[in-house]
Amino acid sequence: MQYLCLVYVQESTFAAMTPDEQHALDAASLANDEELRLSGHLILAQALQNPDSAVTVRVRGDSVSTTVGPFAETTEHLGGFVFVEARDLNEAIGIATRLPIAR
């Protein structure tokens, strides 16, 4: 069965990290992705752009409107996802808890 693990982040947490801590998190995340790939669990993992580059698109009938920036002010935002194959929900939860970004 396939599961989508959504990764929510707080920019303030990243801003407080040193460059070495950020590099270590990136390296651990990439290593974890490779481990999941080798075990047959990883379908796709992808980081997303931060909300400052967001564009909200609304379609109502034939009318399209766009708004630059995030849809709402929040302390955290969707920063990425990890799409996995797992035998059941319990295994998917186990995979999600081992994601370095979850710390």
C-alpha atoms as a PDB file:
ATOM      1  CA  MET A   1       0.000   0.000   0.000  1.00  0.00           C
ATOM      2  CA  GLN A   2       1.220   3.513  -0.710  1.00  0.00           C
ATOM      3  CA  TYR A   3       1.404   6.285   1.885  1.00  0.00           C
ATOM      4  CA  LEU A   4       2.232   9.967   1.593  1.00  0.00           C
ATOM      5  CA  CYS A   5       4.225  11.348   4.519  1.00  0.00           C
ATOM      6  CA  LEU A   6       3.776  15.123   4.595  1.00  0.00           C
ATOM      7  CA  VAL A   7       6.687  17.117   6.001  1.00  0.00           C
ATOM      8  CA  TYR A   8       5.678  20.329   7.758  1.00  0.00           C
ATOM      9  CA  VAL A   9       8.452  22.723   8.739  1.00  0.00           C
ATOM     10  CA  GLN A  10       8.876  25.898  10.750  1.00  0.00           C
ATOM     11  CA  GLU A  11      11.162  28.430   9.084  1.00  0.00           C
ATOM     12  CA  SER A  12      12.226  29.735  12.500  1.00  0.00           C
ATOM     13  CA  THR A  13      13.648  26.306  13.339  1.00  0.00           C
ATOM     14  CA  PHE A  14      15.796  26.311  10.189  1.00  0.00           C
ATOM     15  CA  ALA A  15      16.816  29.928  10.720  1.00  0.00           C
ATOM     16  CA  ALA A  16      18.120  29.027  14.194  1.00  0.00           C
ATOM     17  CA  MET A  17      20.308  26.200  12.822  1.00  0.00           C
ATOM     18  CA  THR A  18      23.962  26.731  12.052  1.00  0.00           C
ATOM     19  CA  PRO A  19      25.142  26.018   8.497  1.00  0.00           C
ATOM     20  CA  ASP A  20      26.804  22.838   9.805  1.00  0.00           C
ATOM     21  CA  GLU A  21      23.530  21.697  11.405  1.00  0.00           C
ATOM     22  CA  GLN A  22      21.621  22.401   8.183  1.00  0.00           C
ATOM     23  CA  HIS A  23      24.208  20.465   6.159  1.00  0.00           C
ATOM     24  CA  ALA A  24      24.031  17.545   8.610  1.00  0.00           C
ATOM     25  CA  LEU A  25      20.224  17.457   8.325  1.00  0.00           C
ATOM     26  CA  ASP A  26      20.408  17.527   4.522  1.00  0.00           C
ATOM     27  CA  ALA A  27      22.998  14.731   4.508  1.00  0.00           C
ATOM     28  CA  ALA A  28      20.977  12.620   6.956  1.00  0.00           C
ATOM     29  CA  SER A  29      17.811  13.141   4.893  1.00  0.00           C
ATOM     30  CA  LEU A  30      19.528  12.118   1.660  1.00  0.00           C
ATOM     31  CA  ALA A  31      21.049   9.058   3.359  1.00  0.00           C
ATOM     32  CA  ASN A  32      17.633   8.108   4.721  1.00  0.00           C
ATOM     33  CA  ASP A  33      16.085   8.497   1.255  1.00  0.00           C
ATOM     34  CA  GLU A  34      18.750   6.154  -0.131  1.00  0.00           C
ATOM     35  CA  GLU A  35      18.111   3.627   2.645  1.00  0.00           C
ATOM     36  CA  LEU A  36      14.384   3.712   1.887  1.00  0.00           C
ATOM     37  CA  ARG A  37      15.083   3.333  -1.845  1.00  0.00           C
ATOM     38  CA  LEU A  38      17.335   0.322  -1.288  1.00  0.00           C
ATOM     39  CA  SER A  39      14.744  -1.330   0.985  1.00  0.00           C
ATOM     40  CA  GLY A  40      12.046  -0.875  -1.665  1.00  0.00           C
ATOM     41  CA  HIS A  41       9.994   1.585   0.402  1.00  0.00           C
ATOM     42  CA  LEU A  42      10.772   4.877  -1.343  1.00  0.00           C
ATOM     43  CA  ILE A  43       8.608   5.906  -4.274  1.00  0.00           C
ATOM     44  CA  LEU A  44       9.511   9.610  -4.269  1.00  0.00           C
ATOM     45  CA  ALA A  45      10.830  12.227  -1.848  1.00  0.00           C
ATOM     46  CA  GLN A  46      10.758  15.909  -2.689  1.00  0.00           C
ATOM     47  CA  ALA A  47      11.430  19.177  -0.889  1.00  0.00           C
ATOM     48  CA  LEU A  48       9.186  22.096  -1.821  1.00  0.00           C
ATOM     49  CA  GLN A  49       9.930  25.793  -2.251  1.00  0.00           C
ATOM     50  CA  ASN A  50       9.186  27.985   0.750  1.00  0.00           C
ATOM     51  CA  PRO A  51       5.880  29.904   0.885  1.00  0.00           C
ATOM     52  CA  ASP A  52       7.478  33.179  -0.229  1.00  0.00           C
ATOM     53  CA  SER A  53       7.558  31.782  -3.774  1.00  0.00           C
ATOM     54  CA  ALA A  54       3.966  30.492  -3.650  1.00  0.00           C
ATOM     55  CA  VAL A  55       1.192  31.524  -6.006  1.00  0.00           C
ATOM     56  CA  THR A  56      -2.433  30.762  -5.146  1.00  0.00           C
ATOM     57  CA  VAL A  57      -4.569  29.987  -8.215  1.00  0.00           C
ATOM     58  CA  ARG A  58      -8.359  30.108  -8.076  1.00  0.00           C
ATOM     59  CA  VAL A  59     -10.643  29.050 -10.913  1.00  0.00           C
ATOM     60  CA  ARG A  60     -14.340  29.979 -10.756  1.00  0.00           C
ATOM     61  CA  GLY A  61     -16.182  29.166 -13.971  1.00  0.00           C
ATOM     62  CA  ASP A  62     -14.214  30.871 -16.735  1.00  0.00           C
ATOM     63  CA  SER A  63     -12.484  33.270 -14.336  1.00  0.00           C
ATOM     64  CA  VAL A  64      -8.939  32.670 -13.102  1.00  0.00           C
ATOM     65  CA  SER A  65      -7.286  34.714 -10.368  1.00  0.00           C
ATOM     66  CA  THR A  66      -3.806  34.445  -8.926  1.00  0.00           C
ATOM     67  CA  THR A  67      -2.388  35.783  -5.693  1.00  0.00           C
ATOM     68  CA  VAL A  68       1.351  35.931  -5.093  1.00  0.00           C
ATOM     69  CA  GLY A  69       2.503  34.598  -1.751  1.00  0.00           C
ATOM     70  CA  PRO A  70       1.154  32.017   0.671  1.00  0.00           C
ATOM     71  CA  PHE A  71      -2.575  31.472   1.059  1.00  0.00           C
ATOM     72  CA  ALA A  72      -2.491  32.055   4.822  1.00  0.00           C
ATOM     73  CA  GLU A  73      -0.114  33.214   7.517  1.00  0.00           C
ATOM     74  CA  THR A  74       1.020  30.217   9.554  1.00  0.00           C
ATOM     75  CA  THR A  75       3.955  29.283  11.753  1.00  0.00           C
ATOM     76  CA  GLU A  76       4.600  26.141   9.729  1.00  0.00           C
ATOM     77  CA  HIS A  77       4.136  25.115   6.126  1.00  0.00           C
ATOM     78  CA  LEU A  78       4.305  22.071   3.897  1.00  0.00           C
ATOM     79  CA  GLY A  79       7.997  21.767   3.164  1.00  0.00           C
ATOM     80  CA  GLY A  80       8.014  18.491   1.285  1.00  0.00           C
ATOM     81  CA  PHE A  81       6.819  14.931   1.171  1.00  0.00           C
ATOM     82  CA  VAL A  82       8.025  11.349   1.200  1.00  0.00           C
ATOM     83  CA  PHE A  83       5.886   8.913  -0.803  1.00  0.00           C
ATOM     84  CA  VAL A  84       6.453   5.356   0.417  1.00  0.00           C
ATOM     85  CA  GLU A  85       5.353   1.794  -0.121  1.00  0.00           C
ATOM     86  CA  ALA A  86       4.567  -0.011   3.142  1.00  0.00           C
ATOM     87  CA  ARG A  87       2.731  -3.202   4.019  1.00  0.00           C
ATOM     88  CA  ASP A  88       0.338  -1.328   6.358  1.00  0.00           C
ATOM     89  CA  LEU A  89      -0.254   1.899   8.265  1.00  0.00           C
ATOM     90  CA  ASN A  90       1.916   0.778  11.180  1.00  0.00           C
ATOM     91  CA  GLU A  91       4.916   0.271   8.911  1.00  0.00           C
ATOM     92  CA  ALA A  92       4.284   3.652   7.245  1.00  0.00           C
ATOM     93  CA  ILE A  93       4.179   5.340  10.654  1.00  0.00           C
ATOM     94  CA  GLY A  94       7.446   3.620  11.563  1.00  0.00           C
ATOM     95  CA  ILE A  95       9.033   4.932   8.368  1.00  0.00           C
ATOM     96  CA  ALA A  96       7.745   8.462   9.066  1.00  0.00           C
ATOM     97  CA  THR A  97       9.126   8.460  12.608  1.00  0.00           C
ATOM     98  CA  ARG A  98      12.607   7.656  11.286  1.00  0.00           C
ATOM     99  CA  LEU A  99      12.700  10.575   8.842  1.00  0.00           C
ATOM    100  CA  PRO A 100      15.510  12.922   9.960  1.00  0.00           C
ATOM    101  CA  ILE A 101      13.339  15.946   9.226  1.00  0.00           C
ATOM    102  CA  ALA A 102      10.764  14.647  11.744  1.00  0.00           C
ATOM    103  CA  ARG A 103      13.193  15.480  14.543  1.00  0.00           C
END
